[in-house]
Amino acid sequence: MDNLYDMFPYKSWDPKLLPEERLRIVQDSINNLKRMGIPCFGYDLKKSESKRNYSFKLILDWMVDNYESWDETEPGIPCPEDMFKAMWNQFKKVM
């Protein structure tokens, strides 16, 4: 969820953080999701805001549909479905 929060379209960043650092953090988050096997649906910082937002929505939808299959913790500790859906709904309200 931290990686998604860093990619969140309306996240407010610390004004002291340089734009290059923000971009690095977001790119690291994208790479972490890919490493976990979560498709990013073409999410790319070089694309338009509307395309990034659409990709972000697809990532959220995929995670809700597949949340049980990508837990990497050992031993597996899945996020409870109701908690995950509540967080997902909060994201969707803002978008």
PDB file of N, CA and C in Angstrom:
ATOM      1  N   MET A   1       0.827  -1.195   0.000  1.00  0.00           N
ATOM      2  CA  MET A   1       0.000   0.000   0.000  1.00  0.00           C
ATOM      3  C   MET A   1       0.869   1.256   0.000  1.00  0.00           C
ATOM      4  N   ASP A   2       2.045   1.186   0.626  1.00  0.00           N
ATOM      5  CA  ASP A   2       2.934   2.347   0.607  1.00  0.00           C
ATOM      6  C   ASP A   2       3.347   2.693  -0.819  1.00  0.00           C
ATOM      7  N   ASN A   3       3.623   1.658  -1.614  1.00  0.00           N
ATOM      8  CA  ASN A   3       4.012   1.907  -2.999  1.00  0.00           C
ATOM      9  C   ASN A   3       2.873   2.566  -3.771  1.00  0.00           C
ATOM     10  N   LEU A   4       1.658   2.114  -3.544  1.00  0.00           N
ATOM     11  CA  LEU A   4       0.512   2.737  -4.205  1.00  0.00           C
ATOM     12  C   LEU A   4       0.337   4.182  -3.748  1.00  0.00           C
ATOM     13  N   TYR A   5       0.538   4.418  -2.470  1.00  0.00           N
ATOM     14  CA  TYR A   5       0.377   5.774  -1.955  1.00  0.00           C
ATOM     15  C   TYR A   5       1.367   6.726  -2.621  1.00  0.00           C
ATOM     16  N   ASP A   6       2.589   6.246  -2.871  1.00  0.00           N
ATOM     17  CA  ASP A   6       3.576   7.098  -3.539  1.00  0.00           C
ATOM     18  C   ASP A   6       3.171   7.412  -4.980  1.00  0.00           C
ATOM     19  N   MET A   7       2.396   6.519  -5.594  1.00  0.00           N
ATOM     20  CA  MET A   7       1.944   6.729  -6.971  1.00  0.00           C
ATOM     21  C   MET A   7       0.611   7.473  -7.026  1.00  0.00           C
ATOM     22  N   PHE A   8      -0.024   7.666  -5.867  1.00  0.00           N
ATOM     23  CA  PHE A   8      -1.359   8.250  -5.805  1.00  0.00           C
ATOM     24  C   PHE A   8      -1.364   9.614  -6.494  1.00  0.00           C
ATOM     25  N   PRO A   9      -2.279   9.805  -7.452  1.00  0.00           N
ATOM     26  CA  PRO A   9      -2.253  11.033  -8.258  1.00  0.00           C
ATOM     27  C   PRO A   9      -2.367  12.333  -7.472  1.00  0.00           C
ATOM     28  N   TYR A  10      -3.052  12.305  -6.335  1.00  0.00           N
ATOM     29  CA  TYR A  10      -3.291  13.561  -5.616  1.00  0.00           C
ATOM     30  C   TYR A  10      -2.505  13.650  -4.316  1.00  0.00           C
ATOM     31  N   LYS A  11      -1.447  12.871  -4.214  1.00  0.00           N
ATOM     32  CA  LYS A  11      -0.632  12.899  -2.999  1.00  0.00           C
ATOM     33  C   LYS A  11       0.041  14.266  -2.862  1.00  0.00           C
ATOM     34  N   SER A  12       0.046  14.798  -1.665  1.00  0.00           N
ATOM     35  CA  SER A  12       0.776  16.043  -1.433  1.00  0.00           C
ATOM     36  C   SER A  12       2.157  15.679  -0.898  1.00  0.00           C
ATOM     37  N   TRP A  13       3.165  16.240  -1.517  1.00  0.00           N
ATOM     38  CA  TRP A  13       4.552  15.953  -1.167  1.00  0.00           C
ATOM     39  C   TRP A  13       5.102  17.061  -0.286  1.00  0.00           C
ATOM     40  N   ASP A  14       6.095  16.715   0.488  1.00  0.00           N
ATOM     41  CA  ASP A  14       6.809  17.695   1.300  1.00  0.00           C
ATOM     42  C   ASP A  14       7.443  18.714   0.347  1.00  0.00           C
ATOM     43  N   PRO A  15       7.184  20.012   0.536  1.00  0.00           N
ATOM     44  CA  PRO A  15       7.730  21.019  -0.377  1.00  0.00           C
ATOM     45  C   PRO A  15       9.267  21.054  -0.382  1.00  0.00           C
ATOM     46  N   LYS A  16       9.888  20.521   0.648  1.00  0.00           N
ATOM     47  CA  LYS A  16      11.356  20.502   0.700  1.00  0.00           C
ATOM     48  C   LYS A  16      11.944  19.414  -0.204  1.00  0.00           C
ATOM     49  N   LEU A  17      11.112  18.470  -0.630  1.00  0.00           N
ATOM     50  CA  LEU A  17      11.570  17.356  -1.445  1.00  0.00           C
ATOM     51  C   LEU A  17      11.719  17.812  -2.896  1.00  0.00           C
ATOM     52  N   LEU A  18      12.904  17.616  -3.454  1.00  0.00           N
ATOM     53  CA  LEU A  18      13.157  18.023  -4.835  1.00  0.00           C
ATOM     54  C   LEU A  18      12.335  17.188  -5.809  1.00  0.00           C
ATOM     55  N   PRO A  19      11.939  17.794  -6.936  1.00  0.00           N
ATOM     56  CA  PRO A  19      11.158  17.043  -7.930  1.00  0.00           C
ATOM     57  C   PRO A  19      11.845  15.754  -8.385  1.00  0.00           C
ATOM     58  N   GLU A  20      13.168  15.787  -8.518  1.00  0.00           N
ATOM     59  CA  GLU A  20      13.899  14.593  -8.942  1.00  0.00           C
ATOM     60  C   GLU A  20      13.764  13.471  -7.916  1.00  0.00           C
ATOM     61  N   GLU A  21      13.744  13.857  -6.647  1.00  0.00           N
ATOM     62  CA  GLU A  21      13.597  12.870  -5.578  1.00  0.00           C
ATOM     63  C   GLU A  21      12.190  12.275  -5.589  1.00  0.00           C
ATOM     64  N   ARG A  22      11.193  13.108  -5.841  1.00  0.00           N
ATOM     65  CA  ARG A  22       9.817  12.608  -5.952  1.00  0.00           C
ATOM     66  C   ARG A  22       9.714  11.589  -7.087  1.00  0.00           C
ATOM     67  N   LEU A  23      10.298  11.931  -8.224  1.00  0.00           N
ATOM     68  CA  LEU A  23      10.261  11.018  -9.377  1.00  0.00           C
ATOM     69  C   LEU A  23      10.953   9.704  -9.059  1.00  0.00           C
ATOM     70  N   ARG A  24      12.073   9.769  -8.339  1.00  0.00           N
ATOM     71  CA  ARG A  24      12.795   8.548  -7.979  1.00  0.00           C
ATOM     72  C   ARG A  24      11.948   7.677  -7.061  1.00  0.00           C
ATOM     73  N   ILE A  25      11.272   8.302  -6.095  1.00  0.00           N
ATOM     74  CA  ILE A  25      10.428   7.555  -5.162  1.00  0.00           C
ATOM     75  C   ILE A  25       9.290   6.860  -5.914  1.00  0.00           C
ATOM     76  N   VAL A  26       8.650   7.588  -6.816  1.00  0.00           N
ATOM     77  CA  VAL A  26       7.546   7.004  -7.575  1.00  0.00           C
ATOM     78  C   VAL A  26       8.055   5.872  -8.460  1.00  0.00           C
ATOM     79  N   GLN A  27       9.199   6.072  -9.118  1.00  0.00           N
ATOM     80  CA  GLN A  27       9.749   5.019  -9.974  1.00  0.00           C
ATOM     81  C   GLN A  27      10.119   3.793  -9.147  1.00  0.00           C
ATOM     82  N   ASP A  28      10.667   3.990  -7.966  1.00  0.00           N
ATOM     83  CA  ASP A  28      10.968   2.864  -7.079  1.00  0.00           C
ATOM     84  C   ASP A  28       9.690   2.107  -6.705  1.00  0.00           C
ATOM     85  N   SER A  29       8.612   2.846  -6.484  1.00  0.00           N
ATOM     86  CA  SER A  29       7.338   2.210  -6.150  1.00  0.00           C
ATOM     87  C   SER A  29       6.821   1.373  -7.315  1.00  0.00           C
ATOM     88  N   ILE A  30       6.920   1.897  -8.516  1.00  0.00           N
ATOM     89  CA  ILE A  30       6.516   1.151  -9.711  1.00  0.00           C
ATOM     90  C   ILE A  30       7.333  -0.132  -9.814  1.00  0.00           C
ATOM     91  N   ASN A  31       8.636  -0.013  -9.635  1.00  0.00           N
ATOM     92  CA  ASN A  31       9.513  -1.185  -9.718  1.00  0.00           C
ATOM     93  C   ASN A  31       9.181  -2.214  -8.639  1.00  0.00           C
ATOM     94  N   ASN A  32       8.844  -1.760  -7.431  1.00  0.00           N
ATOM     95  CA  ASN A  32       8.475  -2.687  -6.356  1.00  0.00           C
ATOM     96  C   ASN A  32       7.209  -3.458  -6.700  1.00  0.00           C
ATOM     97  N   LEU A  33       6.215  -2.765  -7.252  1.00  0.00           N
ATOM     98  CA  LEU A  33       4.983  -3.448  -7.639  1.00  0.00           C
ATOM     99  C   LEU A  33       5.268  -4.494  -8.714  1.00  0.00           C
ATOM    100  N   LYS A  34       6.065  -4.126  -9.694  1.00  0.00           N
ATOM    101  CA  LYS A  34       6.409  -5.078 -10.765  1.00  0.00           C
ATOM    102  C   LYS A  34       7.160  -6.276 -10.202  1.00  0.00           C
ATOM    103  N   ARG A  35       8.062  -6.013  -9.258  1.00  0.00           N
ATOM    104  CA  ARG A  35       8.836  -7.101  -8.648  1.00  0.00           C
ATOM    105  C   ARG A  35       7.916  -8.079  -7.917  1.00  0.00           C
ATOM    106  N   MET A  36       6.831  -7.567  -7.340  1.00  0.00           N
ATOM    107  CA  MET A  36       5.883  -8.415  -6.635  1.00  0.00           C
ATOM    108  C   MET A  36       4.920  -9.121  -7.582  1.00  0.00           C
ATOM    109  N   GLY A  37       5.049  -8.855  -8.878  1.00  0.00           N
ATOM    110  CA  GLY A  37       4.174  -9.512  -9.845  1.00  0.00           C
ATOM    111  C   GLY A  37       2.855  -8.791 -10.064  1.00  0.00           C
ATOM    112  N   ILE A  38       2.784  -7.545  -9.645  1.00  0.00           N
ATOM    113  CA  ILE A  38       1.568  -6.758  -9.832  1.00  0.00           C
ATOM    114  C   ILE A  38       1.715  -5.976 -11.131  1.00  0.00           C
ATOM    115  N   PRO A  39       0.826  -6.184 -12.096  1.00  0.00           N
ATOM    116  CA  PRO A  39       0.938  -5.453 -13.360  1.00  0.00           C
ATOM    117  C   PRO A  39       0.670  -3.964 -13.164  1.00  0.00           C
ATOM    118  N   CYS A  40       1.434  -3.143 -13.850  1.00  0.00           N
ATOM    119  CA  CYS A  40       1.283  -1.693 -13.712  1.00  0.00           C
ATOM    120  C   CYS A  40       0.518  -1.072 -14.880  1.00  0.00           C
ATOM    121  N   PHE A  41       0.056  -1.867 -15.812  1.00  0.00           N
ATOM    122  CA  PHE A  41      -0.819  -1.419 -16.889  1.00  0.00           C
ATOM    123  C   PHE A  41      -0.312  -0.161 -17.584  1.00  0.00           C
ATOM    124  N   GLY A  42       0.965  -0.153 -17.871  1.00  0.00           N
ATOM    125  CA  GLY A  42       1.548   0.960 -18.619  1.00  0.00           C
ATOM    126  C   GLY A  42       1.753   2.228 -17.816  1.00  0.00           C
ATOM    127  N   TYR A  43       1.653   2.158 -16.483  1.00  0.00           N
ATOM    128  CA  TYR A  43       1.887   3.347 -15.659  1.00  0.00           C
ATOM    129  C   TYR A  43       3.301   3.832 -15.924  1.00  0.00           C
ATOM    130  N   ASP A  44       3.413   5.066 -16.374  1.00  0.00           N
ATOM    131  CA  ASP A  44       4.718   5.623 -16.725  1.00  0.00           C
ATOM    132  C   ASP A  44       4.690   7.112 -16.417  1.00  0.00           C
ATOM    133  N   LEU A  45       5.723   7.577 -15.747  1.00  0.00           N
ATOM    134  CA  LEU A  45       5.783   8.984 -15.361  1.00  0.00           C
ATOM    135  C   LEU A  45       5.840   9.908 -16.569  1.00  0.00           C
ATOM    136  N   LYS A  46       6.233   9.386 -17.716  1.00  0.00           N
ATOM    137  CA  LYS A  46       6.341  10.213 -18.914  1.00  0.00           C
ATOM    138  C   LYS A  46       5.001  10.376 -19.634  1.00  0.00           C
ATOM    139  N   LYS A  47       3.996   9.622 -19.215  1.00  0.00           N
ATOM    140  CA  LYS A  47       2.678   9.712 -19.850  1.00  0.00           C
ATOM    141  C   LYS A  47       1.867  10.849 -19.235  1.00  0.00           C
ATOM    142  N   SER A  48       0.777  11.173 -19.890  1.00  0.00           N
ATOM    143  CA  SER A  48      -0.079  12.262 -19.409  1.00  0.00           C
ATOM    144  C   SER A  48      -0.711  11.886 -18.066  1.00  0.00           C
ATOM    145  N   GLU A  49      -1.166  12.901 -17.377  1.00  0.00           N
ATOM    146  CA  GLU A  49      -1.783  12.671 -16.067  1.00  0.00           C
ATOM    147  C   GLU A  49      -3.016  11.771 -16.189  1.00  0.00           C
ATOM    148  N   SER A  50      -3.818  11.981 -17.214  1.00  0.00           N
ATOM    149  CA  SER A  50      -5.026  11.167 -17.370  1.00  0.00           C
ATOM    150  C   SER A  50      -4.677   9.704 -17.625  1.00  0.00           C
ATOM    151  N   LYS A  51      -3.612   9.439 -18.389  1.00  0.00           N
ATOM    152  CA  LYS A  51      -3.201   8.054 -18.639  1.00  0.00           C
ATOM    153  C   LYS A  51      -2.625   7.421 -17.378  1.00  0.00           C
ATOM    154  N   ARG A  52      -1.879   8.194 -16.593  1.00  0.00           N
ATOM    155  CA  ARG A  52      -1.360   7.672 -15.322  1.00  0.00           C
ATOM    156  C   ARG A  52      -2.511   7.359 -14.376  1.00  0.00           C
ATOM    157  N   ASN A  53      -3.499   8.253 -14.299  1.00  0.00           N
ATOM    158  CA  ASN A  53      -4.648   8.022 -13.425  1.00  0.00           C
ATOM    159  C   ASN A  53      -5.420   6.778 -13.848  1.00  0.00           C
ATOM    160  N   TYR A  54      -5.576   6.584 -15.160  1.00  0.00           N
ATOM    161  CA  TYR A  54      -6.281   5.408 -15.659  1.00  0.00           C
ATOM    162  C   TYR A  54      -5.507   4.138 -15.298  1.00  0.00           C
ATOM    163  N   SER A  55      -4.195   4.163 -15.484  1.00  0.00           N
ATOM    164  CA  SER A  55      -3.366   3.010 -15.124  1.00  0.00           C
ATOM    165  C   SER A  55      -3.449   2.742 -13.623  1.00  0.00           C
ATOM    166  N   PHE A  56      -3.450   3.802 -12.821  1.00  0.00           N
ATOM    167  CA  PHE A  56      -3.554   3.666 -11.363  1.00  0.00           C
ATOM    168  C   PHE A  56      -4.859   2.965 -10.998  1.00  0.00           C
ATOM    169  N   LYS A  57      -5.960   3.367 -11.648  1.00  0.00           N
ATOM    170  CA  LYS A  57      -7.246   2.731 -11.395  1.00  0.00           C
ATOM    171  C   LYS A  57      -7.208   1.254 -11.786  1.00  0.00           C
ATOM    172  N   LEU A  58      -6.577   0.914 -12.894  1.00  0.00           N
ATOM    173  CA  LEU A  58      -6.472  -0.483 -13.314  1.00  0.00           C
ATOM    174  C   LEU A  58      -5.657  -1.306 -12.313  1.00  0.00           C
ATOM    175  N   ILE A  59      -4.598  -0.699 -11.769  1.00  0.00           N
ATOM    176  CA  ILE A  59      -3.794  -1.385 -10.758  1.00  0.00           C
ATOM    177  C   ILE A  59      -4.649  -1.680  -9.535  1.00  0.00           C
ATOM    178  N   LEU A  60      -5.409  -0.690  -9.074  1.00  0.00           N
ATOM    179  CA  LEU A  60      -6.281  -0.894  -7.906  1.00  0.00           C
ATOM    180  C   LEU A  60      -7.308  -1.985  -8.177  1.00  0.00           C
ATOM    181  N   ASP A  61      -7.921  -1.938  -9.348  1.00  0.00           N
ATOM    182  CA  ASP A  61      -8.921  -2.955  -9.696  1.00  0.00           C
ATOM    183  C   ASP A  61      -8.291  -4.346  -9.702  1.00  0.00           C
ATOM    184  N   TRP A  62      -7.090  -4.453 -10.278  1.00  0.00           N
ATOM    185  CA  TRP A  62      -6.407  -5.749 -10.340  1.00  0.00           C
ATOM    186  C   TRP A  62      -6.107  -6.248  -8.934  1.00  0.00           C
ATOM    187  N   MET A  63      -5.658  -5.354  -8.070  1.00  0.00           N
ATOM    188  CA  MET A  63      -5.307  -5.758  -6.714  1.00  0.00           C
ATOM    189  C   MET A  63      -6.531  -6.249  -5.948  1.00  0.00           C
ATOM    190  N   VAL A  64      -7.673  -5.612  -6.144  1.00  0.00           N
ATOM    191  CA  VAL A  64      -8.886  -6.064  -5.473  1.00  0.00           C
ATOM    192  C   VAL A  64      -9.280  -7.445  -5.992  1.00  0.00           C
ATOM    193  N   ASP A  65      -9.168  -7.644  -7.289  1.00  0.00           N
ATOM    194  CA  ASP A  65      -9.554  -8.930  -7.883  1.00  0.00           C
ATOM    195  C   ASP A  65      -8.580 -10.053  -7.551  1.00  0.00           C
ATOM    196  N   ASN A  66      -7.307  -9.728  -7.286  1.00  0.00           N
ATOM    197  CA  ASN A  66      -6.275 -10.748  -7.129  1.00  0.00           C
ATOM    198  C   ASN A  66      -5.525 -10.669  -5.810  1.00  0.00           C
ATOM    199  N   TYR A  67      -6.097 -10.034  -4.814  1.00  0.00           N
ATOM    200  CA  TYR A  67      -5.347  -9.755  -3.587  1.00  0.00           C
ATOM    201  C   TYR A  67      -4.812 -11.007  -2.902  1.00  0.00           C
ATOM    202  N   GLU A  68      -5.451 -12.155  -3.090  1.00  0.00           N
ATOM    203  CA  GLU A  68      -4.993 -13.362  -2.401  1.00  0.00           C
ATOM    204  C   GLU A  68      -3.789 -14.002  -3.078  1.00  0.00           C
ATOM    205  N   SER A  69      -3.530 -13.672  -4.327  1.00  0.00           N
ATOM    206  CA  SER A  69      -2.513 -14.399  -5.078  1.00  0.00           C
ATOM    207  C   SER A  69      -1.137 -13.729  -5.104  1.00  0.00           C
ATOM    208  N   TRP A  70      -0.978 -12.535  -4.549  1.00  0.00           N
ATOM    209  CA  TRP A  70       0.327 -11.882  -4.648  1.00  0.00           C
ATOM    210  C   TRP A  70       0.966 -11.525  -3.314  1.00  0.00           C
ATOM    211  N   ASP A  71       0.491 -12.088  -2.243  1.00  0.00           N
ATOM    212  CA  ASP A  71       1.093 -11.846  -0.928  1.00  0.00           C
ATOM    213  C   ASP A  71       2.479 -12.487  -0.878  1.00  0.00           C
ATOM    214  N   GLU A  72       3.518 -11.682  -0.633  1.00  0.00           N
ATOM    215  CA  GLU A  72       4.890 -12.178  -0.625  1.00  0.00           C
ATOM    216  C   GLU A  72       5.449 -12.394   0.766  1.00  0.00           C
ATOM    217  N   THR A  73       4.693 -12.084   1.782  1.00  0.00           N
ATOM    218  CA  THR A  73       5.224 -12.218   3.133  1.00  0.00           C
ATOM    219  C   THR A  73       5.384 -13.690   3.491  1.00  0.00           C
ATOM    220  N   GLU A  74       6.320 -13.975   4.361  1.00  0.00           N
ATOM    221  CA  GLU A  74       6.544 -15.341   4.826  1.00  0.00           C
ATOM    222  C   GLU A  74       6.476 -15.341   6.339  1.00  0.00           C
ATOM    223  N   PRO A  75       5.609 -16.068   6.966  1.00  0.00           N
ATOM    224  CA  PRO A  75       4.528 -16.814   6.315  1.00  0.00           C
ATOM    225  C   PRO A  75       3.479 -15.859   5.763  1.00  0.00           C
ATOM    226  N   GLY A  76       2.674 -16.323   4.830  1.00  0.00           N
ATOM    227  CA  GLY A  76       1.699 -15.457   4.173  1.00  0.00           C
ATOM    228  C   GLY A  76       0.730 -14.813   5.156  1.00  0.00           C
ATOM    229  N   ILE A  77       0.640 -13.500   5.103  1.00  0.00           N
ATOM    230  CA  ILE A  77      -0.285 -12.761   5.959  1.00  0.00           C
ATOM    231  C   ILE A  77      -1.073 -11.838   5.037  1.00  0.00           C
ATOM    232  N   PRO A  78      -2.173 -12.336   4.482  1.00  0.00           N
ATOM    233  CA  PRO A  78      -2.916 -11.507   3.538  1.00  0.00           C
ATOM    234  C   PRO A  78      -3.606 -10.336   4.229  1.00  0.00           C
ATOM    235  N   CYS A  79      -3.761  -9.287   3.486  1.00  0.00           N
ATOM    236  CA  CYS A  79      -4.531  -8.146   3.970  1.00  0.00           C
ATOM    237  C   CYS A  79      -5.992  -8.580   3.997  1.00  0.00           C
ATOM    238  N   PRO A  80      -6.689  -8.408   5.110  1.00  0.00           N
ATOM    239  CA  PRO A  80      -8.100  -8.801   5.150  1.00  0.00           C
ATOM    240  C   PRO A  80      -8.888  -8.097   4.038  1.00  0.00           C
ATOM    241  N   GLU A  81      -9.763  -8.831   3.392  1.00  0.00           N
ATOM    242  CA  GLU A  81     -10.495  -8.310   2.237  1.00  0.00           C
ATOM    243  C   GLU A  81     -11.259  -7.039   2.571  1.00  0.00           C
ATOM    244  N   ASP A  82     -11.928  -6.997   3.712  1.00  0.00           N
ATOM    245  CA  ASP A  82     -12.710  -5.815   4.046  1.00  0.00           C
ATOM    246  C   ASP A  82     -11.822  -4.590   4.257  1.00  0.00           C
ATOM    247  N   MET A  83     -10.640  -4.784   4.856  1.00  0.00           N
ATOM    248  CA  MET A  83      -9.716  -3.673   5.051  1.00  0.00           C
ATOM    249  C   MET A  83      -9.191  -3.174   3.711  1.00  0.00           C
ATOM    250  N   PHE A  84      -8.824  -4.108   2.831  1.00  0.00           N
ATOM    251  CA  PHE A  84      -8.289  -3.730   1.532  1.00  0.00           C
ATOM    252  C   PHE A  84      -9.352  -2.985   0.718  1.00  0.00           C
ATOM    253  N   LYS A  85     -10.572  -3.489   0.706  1.00  0.00           N
ATOM    254  CA  LYS A  85     -11.638  -2.839  -0.059  1.00  0.00           C
ATOM    255  C   LYS A  85     -11.959  -1.461   0.510  1.00  0.00           C
ATOM    256  N   ALA A  86     -11.880  -1.292   1.811  1.00  0.00           N
ATOM    257  CA  ALA A  86     -12.125   0.021   2.418  1.00  0.00           C
ATOM    258  C   ALA A  86     -11.062   1.019   1.962  1.00  0.00           C
ATOM    259  N   MET A  87      -9.800   0.589   1.923  1.00  0.00           N
ATOM    260  CA  MET A  87      -8.730   1.467   1.460  1.00  0.00           C
ATOM    261  C   MET A  87      -8.908   1.781  -0.022  1.00  0.00           C
ATOM    262  N   TRP A  88      -9.278   0.774  -0.776  1.00  0.00           N
ATOM    263  CA  TRP A  88      -9.503   0.947  -2.210  1.00  0.00           C
ATOM    264  C   TRP A  88     -10.622   1.950  -2.458  1.00  0.00           C
ATOM    265  N   ASN A  89     -11.701   1.857  -1.689  1.00  0.00           N
ATOM    266  CA  ASN A  89     -12.816   2.788  -1.842  1.00  0.00           C
ATOM    267  C   ASN A  89     -12.414   4.215  -1.497  1.00  0.00           C
ATOM    268  N   GLN A  90     -11.517   4.387  -0.524  1.00  0.00           N
ATOM    269  CA  GLN A  90     -11.026   5.732  -0.196  1.00  0.00           C
ATOM    270  C   GLN A  90     -10.267   6.323  -1.368  1.00  0.00           C
ATOM    271  N   PHE A  91      -9.420   5.506  -2.022  1.00  0.00           N
ATOM    272  CA  PHE A  91      -8.703   5.980  -3.210  1.00  0.00           C
ATOM    273  C   PHE A  91      -9.683   6.392  -4.296  1.00  0.00           C
ATOM    274  N   LYS A  92     -10.702   5.577  -4.536  1.00  0.00           N
ATOM    275  CA  LYS A  92     -11.638   5.844  -5.625  1.00  0.00           C
ATOM    276  C   LYS A  92     -12.458   7.108  -5.380  1.00  0.00           C
ATOM    277  N   LYS A  93     -12.747   7.436  -4.117  1.00  0.00           N
ATOM    278  CA  LYS A  93     -13.512   8.637  -3.817  1.00  0.00           C
ATOM    279  C   LYS A  93     -12.766   9.893  -4.228  1.00  0.00           C
ATOM    280  N   VAL A  94     -11.449   9.870  -4.103  1.00  0.00           N
ATOM    281  CA  VAL A  94     -10.647  11.054  -4.408  1.00  0.00           C
ATOM    282  C   VAL A  94     -10.408  11.201  -5.908  1.00  0.00           C
ATOM    283  N   MET A  95     -10.372  10.074  -6.603  1.00  0.00           N
ATOM    284  CA  MET A  95     -10.065  10.121  -8.041  1.00  0.00           C
ATOM    285  C   MET A  95     -11.231  10.585  -8.863  1.00  0.00           C
TER     286      MET A  95
END
